[in-house]
Amino acid sequence: MNNQFIAAIEQICEEKGISKEIVLETIEQALAAAYKKDYGERDQEVRVEVDETTGAPRVFVTKIVVDEVTNPNLEITKGDAQVIKKSAKVGDEIEIEDMNRDFGRVAAQTAKQVLLQRIREAEREVVFTEFSDKEDSVLNGSVQRIENGNVFVDLGRGTGVMYPADQIRTEKYYVGQRVKVYVVRVEQTVRGPQIIVSRTHPNMVKKLFEMEVPEIDAGSVEIVNVAREAGNRSKIAVRSNVDGVDAVGTFVGGRGTRVQAVMADIADEKIDIIPYSTDPKTYIASALSPTEVISVKLDEEHKQAVVKVPEDQLSLAIGKQGQNVRLAAKLTGWNVDIDGADEASVEETADVVETAASDDKAKKSQKVDLEAAIIAAAEEQAQPESPAETSADTTDKPKKAAKKPVAKKSTTKKSTDEPEVAADTAPESTEIPAE
């Protein structure tokens, strides 16, 4: 029977994950409670020892030495006490071993309840201690059940709860699904330790990279900050602590293997790896990647940054529903405002307009000079042989000089064949007298 008793103790230790000393202590407390139930009083001090080899219990009762006994369960005479301990005197406490007794049904039931309760408490203490050490870490688990939107994850010896706010909105969970979760905190409650887990916490990305990038443990590179919108996009700022080590390339890995492994654990969430800089302007410009930044103006007092970008990249800098600029602000700790009114482009446009206006003015001037030259040439060709006619033409009709060259040219050609007859010198008609 004793061998079976010891075997049962060892089985409890293995199943519950608690030490043998805790189980034996619990059994001793249960037997002490059973003894008080049948043979003693509540305020009586009873101690039970269980032999680890044989499982045999020994019961010890503490009594006070008095001259005259009024309560035999709590007191003992001086003479009886000196039989057990020669130096005993009135007022001392003496421990007396009682013979083994059989317990009744009520006492046995009491012992059972005490035993179960104490073992349960011991198990909770072990779980709390174990998972308290695992806070701020990523664990593997499987979905145990889903209740009222809360997902309970089996973590082995404990069960973690993942509230809706800690769940990735694009993911659908089902019983038996294998998931990686981040342990946010462990709380001790009346019902035992409560393990709060999350898949949306920014530190989950950091811990996943620590699992994939051994250079972090070596101290060559480090993650400075993480900004995350779970399920959509994350930005991490990294830096190198060793000359010649490319921090961004280290986190990306060969052909992107490292960053892709992390993305696979968080529902293919996009991850931007940003080089950290102590210069706020450079840091903010990098955080807005992949946007091309023209200039950054800082307001140190209000922690405000105004970033100018080309007009065609304004929507890219802001991102879908403001996601890119929002993540950049979280990552850098600055309030970032995007300005698409690029002064450089405005000045360039003004220069182009001014140049075009000058060219237009020059073209008009050239056109006027050309017309004047044509008119002058035409006037020279249209000059008649008679000075009087030239004088009359130039004084009376100066505005029609542009049209005269055509008429004069034809007249000049005609004058080579026939003599020109002026209209005002035409011969008068001759009358023939009638016969």
Protein backbone atom coordinates (compact mmCIF):
# COMPACT_ATOMS: atom_id res chain seq x y z
CA MET A 1 0.00 0.00 0.00
CA ASN A 2 2.84 2.37 0.88
CA ASN A 3 4.53 1.65 -2.45
CA GLN A 4 1.31 2.54 -4.25
CA PHE A 5 1.12 5.73 -2.20
CA ILE A 6 4.64 6.81 -3.20
CA ALA A 7 3.92 5.89 -6.85
CA ALA A 8 0.80 8.07 -6.78
CA ILE A 9 2.82 10.98 -5.41
CA GLU A 10 5.39 10.65 -8.20
CA GLN A 11 2.63 10.53 -10.83
CA ILE A 12 1.09 13.73 -9.48
CA CYS A 13 4.48 15.42 -9.58
CA GLU A 14 4.98 14.43 -13.21
CA GLU A 15 1.50 15.41 -14.41
CA LYS A 16 1.27 18.72 -12.59
CA GLY A 17 4.89 19.68 -13.04
CA ILE A 18 5.44 20.35 -9.35
CA SER A 19 8.17 19.10 -7.05
CA LYS A 20 7.84 16.08 -4.78
CA GLU A 21 8.52 18.21 -1.71
CA ILE A 22 5.47 20.37 -2.47
CA VAL A 23 3.25 17.30 -2.85
CA LEU A 24 4.45 15.76 0.41
CA GLU A 25 3.96 19.08 2.19
CA THR A 26 0.44 19.24 0.84
CA ILE A 27 -0.32 15.70 2.06
CA GLU A 28 1.01 16.56 5.49
CA GLN A 29 -1.27 19.61 5.67
CA ALA A 30 -4.26 17.50 4.59
CA LEU A 31 -3.58 14.87 7.25
CA ALA A 32 -3.21 17.58 9.89
CA ALA A 33 -6.61 19.00 8.92
CA ALA A 34 -8.16 15.51 9.08
CA TYR A 35 -6.70 14.92 12.55
CA LYS A 36 -8.15 18.18 13.83
CA LYS A 37 -11.51 17.23 12.37
CA ASP A 38 -11.76 13.93 14.26
CA TYR A 39 -9.48 14.19 17.31
CA GLY A 40 -8.55 17.80 17.92
CA GLU A 41 -9.65 21.42 17.73
CA ARG A 42 -9.29 24.15 15.14
CA ASP A 43 -6.89 26.21 17.21
CA GLN A 44 -4.75 23.19 17.96
CA GLU A 45 -1.28 23.03 16.51
CA VAL A 46 -0.79 19.73 14.65
CA ARG A 47 2.20 18.76 12.54
CA VAL A 48 2.38 15.67 10.33
CA GLU A 49 5.53 14.15 8.85
CA VAL A 50 5.38 11.72 5.91
CA ASP A 51 8.31 9.41 5.28
CA GLU A 52 9.46 9.88 1.67
CA THR A 53 10.48 6.23 1.38
CA THR A 54 7.67 4.36 3.07
CA GLY A 55 4.92 6.99 3.02
CA ALA A 56 4.16 6.36 6.71
CA PRO A 57 2.79 9.46 8.51
CA ARG A 58 3.74 10.66 12.00
CA VAL A 59 1.45 13.06 13.89
CA PHE A 60 2.79 15.57 16.41
CA VAL A 61 0.54 17.69 18.64
CA THR A 62 1.77 20.83 20.39
CA LYS A 63 0.54 21.41 23.96
CA ILE A 64 1.22 23.98 26.68
CA VAL A 65 2.63 22.86 30.08
CA VAL A 66 0.32 23.85 32.96
CA ASP A 67 -0.16 22.98 36.60
CA GLU A 68 -3.76 21.92 36.11
CA VAL A 69 -5.24 20.73 32.78
CA THR A 70 -8.57 22.20 31.71
CA ASN A 71 -8.39 21.29 27.96
CA PRO A 72 -6.55 18.03 27.27
CA ASN A 73 -6.31 18.82 23.55
CA LEU A 74 -4.29 21.96 24.23
CA GLU A 75 -2.68 21.45 27.63
CA ILE A 76 -0.48 18.97 29.54
CA THR A 77 0.63 18.74 33.16
CA LYS A 78 4.16 19.46 34.21
CA GLY A 79 4.74 15.90 35.34
CA ASP A 80 3.60 14.37 32.05
CA ALA A 81 5.60 16.92 30.11
CA GLN A 82 8.80 16.09 32.05
CA VAL A 83 8.39 12.44 31.03
CA ILE A 84 8.78 13.55 27.44
CA LYS A 85 11.25 16.34 28.16
CA LYS A 86 13.00 16.54 31.52
CA SER A 87 13.61 20.29 31.34
CA ALA A 88 9.95 21.13 30.76
CA LYS A 89 8.41 23.73 33.03
CA VAL A 90 5.10 25.55 33.29
CA GLY A 91 4.39 27.79 30.30
CA ASP A 92 6.56 25.85 27.85
CA GLU A 93 5.25 24.36 24.62
CA ILE A 94 6.00 20.73 24.09
CA GLU A 95 5.42 18.61 21.00
CA ILE A 96 3.88 15.18 21.63
CA GLU A 97 3.74 12.39 19.08
CA ASP A 98 0.30 10.85 18.83
CA MET A 99 -0.40 7.29 17.77
CA ASN A 100 -1.66 6.66 14.24
CA ARG A 101 -5.40 6.67 14.11
CA ASP A 102 -7.96 5.82 11.51
CA PHE A 103 -9.84 8.80 10.13
CA GLY A 104 -13.56 8.84 9.55
CA ARG A 105 -15.35 9.59 6.28
CA VAL A 106 -15.72 13.30 7.03
CA ALA A 107 -12.08 13.66 7.96
CA ALA A 108 -11.02 11.78 4.84
CA GLN A 109 -13.19 14.03 2.68
CA THR A 110 -11.67 17.08 4.35
CA ALA A 111 -8.18 15.75 3.67
CA LYS A 112 -9.07 15.17 0.03
CA GLN A 113 -10.36 18.72 -0.44
CA VAL A 114 -7.31 20.21 1.24
CA LEU A 115 -5.04 18.04 -0.88
CA LEU A 116 -6.71 18.99 -4.18
CA GLN A 117 -6.85 22.67 -3.30
CA ARG A 118 -3.23 22.82 -2.25
CA ILE A 119 -2.03 20.93 -5.32
CA ARG A 120 -4.05 23.29 -7.53
CA GLU A 121 -2.52 26.31 -5.83
CA ALA A 122 0.94 24.83 -6.18
CA GLU A 123 0.35 24.20 -9.87
CA ARG A 124 -0.80 27.80 -10.37
CA GLU A 125 2.27 29.12 -8.60
CA VAL A 126 4.52 27.03 -10.82
CA VAL A 127 2.73 28.21 -13.98
CA PHE A 128 2.85 31.85 -12.87
CA THR A 129 6.56 31.63 -12.08
CA GLU A 130 7.34 29.90 -15.38
CA PHE A 131 5.43 32.29 -17.65
CA SER A 132 6.47 35.39 -15.71
CA ASP A 133 9.96 34.63 -16.95
CA LYS A 134 8.62 34.41 -20.51
CA GLU A 135 7.10 37.87 -20.66
CA ASP A 136 8.27 39.88 -23.71
CA SER A 137 8.95 36.73 -25.72
CA VAL A 138 7.38 34.84 -28.61
CA LEU A 139 5.95 31.34 -27.99
CA ASN A 140 4.49 28.64 -30.20
CA GLY A 141 0.96 27.50 -29.44
CA SER A 142 -2.25 26.16 -30.89
CA VAL A 143 -5.76 27.56 -30.80
CA GLN A 144 -7.63 25.71 -28.05
CA ARG A 145 -11.04 27.37 -28.28
CA ILE A 146 -12.78 30.60 -29.31
CA GLU A 147 -15.28 32.24 -26.96
CA ASN A 148 -17.00 35.62 -27.38
CA GLY A 149 -14.35 36.78 -29.82
CA ASN A 150 -11.51 35.81 -27.46
CA VAL A 151 -9.02 33.23 -28.71
CA PHE A 152 -7.56 30.85 -26.12
CA VAL A 153 -4.14 29.51 -27.07
CA ASP A 154 -2.69 26.34 -25.59
CA LEU A 155 0.90 27.09 -24.57
CA GLY A 156 1.65 23.71 -23.00
CA ARG A 157 1.40 24.07 -19.23
CA GLY A 158 -0.63 27.25 -19.50
CA THR A 159 -3.38 28.78 -21.60
CA GLY A 160 -3.04 32.25 -23.04
CA VAL A 161 -5.93 34.52 -23.93
CA MET A 162 -5.83 36.75 -27.02
CA TYR A 163 -8.42 39.53 -26.94
CA PRO A 164 -9.90 40.99 -30.18
CA ALA A 165 -7.62 44.04 -29.96
CA ASP A 166 -4.60 41.70 -29.99
CA GLN A 167 -5.76 39.78 -33.07
CA ILE A 168 -4.76 40.60 -36.64
CA ARG A 169 -7.94 41.68 -38.41
CA THR A 170 -7.06 39.95 -41.66
CA GLU A 171 -6.60 36.57 -39.95
CA LYS A 172 -9.26 33.95 -39.30
CA TYR A 173 -8.58 31.61 -36.38
CA TYR A 174 -9.80 28.04 -35.99
CA VAL A 175 -9.38 25.31 -33.37
CA GLY A 176 -6.11 23.44 -33.77
CA GLN A 177 -4.39 26.22 -35.72
CA ARG A 178 -0.69 26.61 -34.98
CA VAL A 179 0.23 30.21 -34.19
CA LYS A 180 3.08 32.24 -32.79
CA VAL A 181 2.07 34.69 -30.06
CA TYR A 182 3.82 37.40 -28.08
CA VAL A 183 3.47 37.19 -24.28
CA VAL A 184 2.45 40.68 -23.16
CA ARG A 185 2.07 40.06 -19.41
CA VAL A 186 1.16 37.45 -16.81
CA GLU A 187 -1.33 38.34 -14.08
CA GLN A 188 -2.18 36.47 -10.90
CA THR A 189 -5.96 36.30 -10.44
CA VAL A 190 -8.38 34.47 -8.16
CA ARG A 191 -8.76 31.76 -10.78
CA GLY A 192 -5.06 31.44 -11.25
CA PRO A 193 -2.49 33.04 -13.53
CA GLN A 194 -3.83 34.79 -16.62
CA ILE A 195 -1.48 34.92 -19.62
CA ILE A 196 -2.21 37.80 -22.02
CA VAL A 197 -0.88 37.12 -25.52
CA SER A 198 -0.93 39.20 -28.70
CA ARG A 199 -0.18 39.05 -32.42
CA THR A 200 -0.42 42.81 -32.97
CA HIS A 201 2.15 44.07 -30.46
CA PRO A 202 5.04 45.98 -32.11
CA ASN A 203 7.60 44.03 -30.07
CA MET A 204 6.48 40.83 -31.78
CA VAL A 205 8.21 41.98 -34.98
CA LYS A 206 11.31 42.78 -32.97
CA LYS A 207 11.38 39.35 -31.30
CA LEU A 208 10.81 37.54 -34.58
CA PHE A 209 13.81 39.33 -36.10
CA GLU A 210 15.88 38.37 -33.06
CA MET A 211 15.06 34.75 -33.85
CA GLU A 212 16.09 35.17 -37.51
CA VAL A 213 19.11 37.49 -37.20
CA PRO A 214 21.91 36.05 -35.03
CA GLU A 215 23.90 39.28 -35.41
CA ILE A 216 21.51 40.91 -32.92
CA ASP A 217 22.66 38.59 -30.12
CA ALA A 218 26.26 39.20 -31.17
CA GLY A 219 25.70 42.97 -30.82
CA SER A 220 26.70 43.78 -34.41
CA VAL A 221 23.30 45.27 -35.28
CA GLU A 222 20.26 46.33 -33.31
CA ILE A 223 16.65 47.42 -33.73
CA VAL A 224 16.22 50.98 -32.46
CA ASN A 225 12.47 51.38 -32.85
CA VAL A 226 9.40 49.70 -34.34
CA ALA A 227 6.19 51.25 -35.68
CA ARG A 228 3.46 48.85 -36.67
CA GLU A 229 -0.07 48.66 -38.01
CA ALA A 230 -0.70 44.95 -37.67
CA GLY A 231 -1.75 43.11 -40.79
CA ASN A 232 -0.85 45.98 -43.12
CA ARG A 233 2.60 47.46 -42.68
CA SER A 234 5.49 47.92 -40.26
CA LYS A 235 8.56 50.13 -40.22
CA ILE A 236 11.66 49.25 -38.20
CA ALA A 237 14.69 51.46 -37.65
CA VAL A 238 17.98 49.56 -37.50
CA ARG A 239 21.61 50.53 -37.04
CA SER A 240 25.02 48.90 -37.10
CA ASN A 241 27.40 48.92 -34.15
CA VAL A 242 30.35 47.60 -36.15
CA ASP A 243 32.09 49.42 -38.98
CA GLY A 244 31.60 47.78 -42.35
CA VAL A 245 28.37 45.98 -41.41
CA ASP A 246 25.30 46.94 -43.43
CA ALA A 247 22.42 46.92 -40.97
CA VAL A 248 19.65 46.98 -43.57
CA GLY A 249 21.23 44.21 -45.63
CA THR A 250 21.72 42.11 -42.49
CA PHE A 251 18.04 42.25 -41.64
CA VAL A 252 16.92 41.64 -45.22
CA GLY A 253 19.15 38.60 -45.62
CA GLY A 254 20.27 36.87 -48.77
CA ARG A 255 17.56 37.31 -51.39
CA GLY A 256 15.29 38.57 -48.64
CA THR A 257 15.11 35.25 -46.78
CA ARG A 258 15.20 36.73 -43.28
CA VAL A 259 12.58 39.42 -43.76
CA GLN A 260 10.36 37.01 -45.69
CA ALA A 261 10.51 34.51 -42.83
CA VAL A 262 9.30 37.18 -40.42
CA MET A 263 6.56 38.29 -42.81
CA ALA A 264 5.31 34.69 -43.09
CA ASP A 265 4.76 34.59 -39.30
CA ILE A 266 2.61 37.75 -39.30
CA ALA A 267 0.23 37.16 -42.21
CA ASP A 268 2.57 38.51 -44.94
CA GLU A 269 2.62 41.97 -43.41
CA LYS A 270 4.76 44.46 -45.35
CA ILE A 271 7.95 45.49 -43.52
CA ASP A 272 10.07 48.57 -44.33
CA ILE A 273 13.61 48.43 -42.92
CA ILE A 274 14.90 51.97 -42.31
CA PRO A 275 18.52 52.95 -41.49
CA TYR A 276 18.59 54.87 -38.21
CA SER A 277 20.32 58.25 -38.11
CA THR A 278 21.09 60.66 -35.28
CA ASP A 279 20.30 63.53 -37.67
CA PRO A 280 16.51 64.08 -37.42
CA LYS A 281 16.25 65.37 -41.00
CA THR A 282 17.97 62.33 -42.45
CA TYR A 283 16.01 60.00 -40.15
CA ILE A 284 12.64 61.50 -41.12
CA ALA A 285 13.50 61.45 -44.82
CA SER A 286 14.43 57.76 -44.57
CA ALA A 287 11.29 56.96 -42.57
CA LEU A 288 9.12 58.23 -45.44
CA SER A 289 10.66 55.66 -47.79
CA PRO A 290 10.05 54.98 -50.66
CA THR A 291 9.18 58.67 -51.13
CA GLU A 292 11.79 61.03 -52.59
CA VAL A 293 12.17 63.88 -50.09
CA ILE A 294 13.34 67.32 -51.28
CA SER A 295 13.71 69.12 -47.95
CA VAL A 296 12.86 68.80 -44.24
CA LYS A 297 12.22 71.78 -41.93
CA LEU A 298 12.17 71.17 -38.19
CA ASP A 299 10.44 72.98 -35.35
CA GLU A 300 12.40 71.78 -32.32
CA GLU A 301 10.10 73.44 -29.79
CA HIS A 302 6.90 71.75 -30.99
CA LYS A 303 8.62 68.63 -32.34
CA GLN A 304 7.15 69.41 -35.76
CA ALA A 305 8.64 68.51 -39.15
CA VAL A 306 7.51 69.90 -42.51
CA VAL A 307 8.60 67.69 -45.38
CA LYS A 308 8.51 68.86 -48.99
CA VAL A 309 8.10 66.26 -51.70
CA PRO A 310 7.46 66.45 -55.45
CA GLU A 311 3.83 66.87 -56.44
CA ASP A 312 3.77 63.53 -58.25
CA GLN A 313 4.89 61.74 -55.04
CA LEU A 314 2.53 63.47 -52.64
CA SER A 315 0.09 60.54 -52.47
CA LEU A 316 2.99 58.08 -52.08
CA ALA A 317 4.40 60.05 -49.15
CA ILE A 318 1.05 60.15 -47.38
CA GLY A 319 0.22 56.52 -48.14
CA LYS A 320 -3.10 54.74 -48.20
CA GLN A 321 -5.37 56.46 -45.68
CA GLY A 322 -2.31 58.30 -44.33
CA GLN A 323 -0.58 55.08 -43.34
CA ASN A 324 2.95 55.91 -44.53
CA VAL A 325 3.22 59.30 -42.85
CA ARG A 326 1.53 57.95 -39.72
CA LEU A 327 4.07 55.14 -39.36
CA ALA A 328 6.93 57.55 -40.04
CA ALA A 329 5.69 59.81 -37.23
CA LYS A 330 5.48 56.86 -34.81
CA LEU A 331 8.93 55.64 -35.79
CA THR A 332 10.74 58.98 -35.48
CA GLY A 333 8.72 60.57 -32.67
CA TRP A 334 8.14 63.74 -34.74
CA ASN A 335 4.85 65.18 -35.97
CA VAL A 336 5.30 65.00 -39.74
CA ASP A 337 3.45 67.27 -42.19
CA ILE A 338 3.74 66.60 -45.92
CA ASP A 339 3.88 69.63 -48.22
CA GLY A 340 3.49 69.05 -51.95
CA ALA A 341 4.05 72.72 -52.90
CA ASP A 342 7.62 72.30 -54.07
CA GLU A 343 9.36 75.73 -54.11
CA ALA A 344 12.06 74.47 -56.45
CA SER A 345 9.50 73.44 -59.04
CA VAL A 346 7.66 76.76 -58.63
CA GLU A 347 10.86 78.73 -59.25
CA GLU A 348 11.69 76.51 -62.19
CA THR A 349 8.25 77.08 -63.66
CA ALA A 350 8.63 80.87 -63.17
CA ASP A 351 11.99 80.77 -64.97
CA VAL A 352 10.46 78.85 -67.85
CA VAL A 353 7.57 81.34 -68.14
CA GLU A 354 9.97 84.30 -68.03
CA THR A 355 12.21 82.74 -70.67
CA ALA A 356 9.22 82.02 -72.88
CA ALA A 357 8.02 85.61 -72.54
CA SER A 358 11.46 86.94 -73.50
CA ASP A 359 11.63 84.65 -76.50
CA ASP A 360 8.16 85.75 -77.60
CA LYS A 361 9.13 89.39 -77.26
CA ALA A 362 12.30 88.80 -79.28
CA LYS A 363 10.35 86.98 -81.98
CA LYS A 364 7.89 89.88 -82.23
CA SER A 365 10.76 92.36 -82.49
CA GLN A 366 12.39 90.29 -85.22
CA LYS A 367 9.07 90.13 -87.06
CA VAL A 368 8.67 93.94 -86.94
CA ASP A 369 12.24 94.46 -88.19
CA LEU A 370 11.66 92.00 -91.03
CA GLU A 371 8.49 93.76 -92.12
CA ALA A 372 10.28 97.12 -92.06
CA ALA A 373 13.09 95.70 -94.19
CA ILE A 374 10.61 94.31 -96.73
CA ILE A 375 8.80 97.65 -96.92
CA ALA A 376 12.08 99.53 -97.41
CA ALA A 377 13.19 97.15 -100.16
CA ALA A 378 9.85 97.45 -101.87
CA GLU A 379 10.03 101.23 -101.77
CA GLU A 380 13.48 101.22 -103.34
CA GLN A 381 12.30 99.01 -106.21
CA ALA A 382 9.13 101.04 -106.70
CA GLN A 383 10.86 104.44 -107.21
CA PRO A 384 9.78 105.97 -110.73
CA GLU A 385 12.17 107.76 -113.16
CA SER A 386 10.27 111.05 -112.87
CA PRO A 387 11.15 112.96 -109.74
CA ALA A 388 7.77 114.65 -109.71
CA GLU A 389 5.94 111.32 -109.72
CA THR A 390 8.17 109.93 -107.00
CA SER A 391 7.55 112.97 -104.90
CA ALA A 392 3.81 112.72 -105.43
CA ASP A 393 3.72 109.03 -104.64
CA THR A 394 5.77 109.34 -101.51
CA THR A 395 3.86 112.29 -100.17
CA ASP A 396 0.35 111.39 -101.13
CA LYS A 397 0.29 107.60 -100.62
CA PRO A 398 2.90 106.41 -98.09
CA LYS A 399 0.68 103.73 -96.54
CA LYS A 400 0.21 101.81 -99.83
CA ALA A 401 3.87 101.45 -100.50
CA ALA A 402 3.82 97.75 -99.55
CA LYS A 403 1.47 96.97 -102.47
CA LYS A 404 3.20 99.10 -105.11
CA PRO A 405 6.15 96.85 -105.77
CA VAL A 406 3.92 94.26 -107.45
CA ALA A 407 2.32 96.81 -109.76
CA LYS A 408 5.56 98.59 -110.56
CA LYS A 409 7.29 95.31 -111.28
CA SER A 410 4.74 94.50 -113.98
CA THR A 411 5.00 98.06 -115.34
CA THR A 412 8.74 97.82 -115.45
CA LYS A 413 8.64 94.60 -117.39
CA LYS A 414 6.13 96.10 -119.79
CA SER A 415 8.27 99.21 -120.37
CA THR A 416 11.02 97.13 -121.93
CA ASP A 417 8.79 96.29 -124.89
CA GLU A 418 6.60 99.35 -125.31
CA PRO A 419 6.96 102.93 -124.21
CA GLU A 420 4.91 103.80 -121.18
CA VAL A 421 2.02 106.14 -121.80
CA ALA A 422 0.88 108.17 -118.89
CA ALA A 423 -2.83 108.50 -118.40
CA ASP A 424 -2.78 112.27 -118.06
CA THR A 425 -0.78 112.74 -121.35
CA ALA A 426 -3.01 110.61 -123.58
CA PRO A 427 -3.71 112.25 -127.02
CA GLU A 428 -7.03 113.95 -127.51
CA SER A 429 -9.49 112.47 -130.06
CA THR A 430 -9.44 114.10 -133.61
CA GLU A 431 -12.74 114.91 -135.27
CA ILE A 432 -13.05 114.30 -139.05
CA PRO A 433 -15.05 117.04 -140.74
CA ALA A 434 -17.99 116.00 -142.77
CA GLU A 435 -17.82 116.44 -146.41
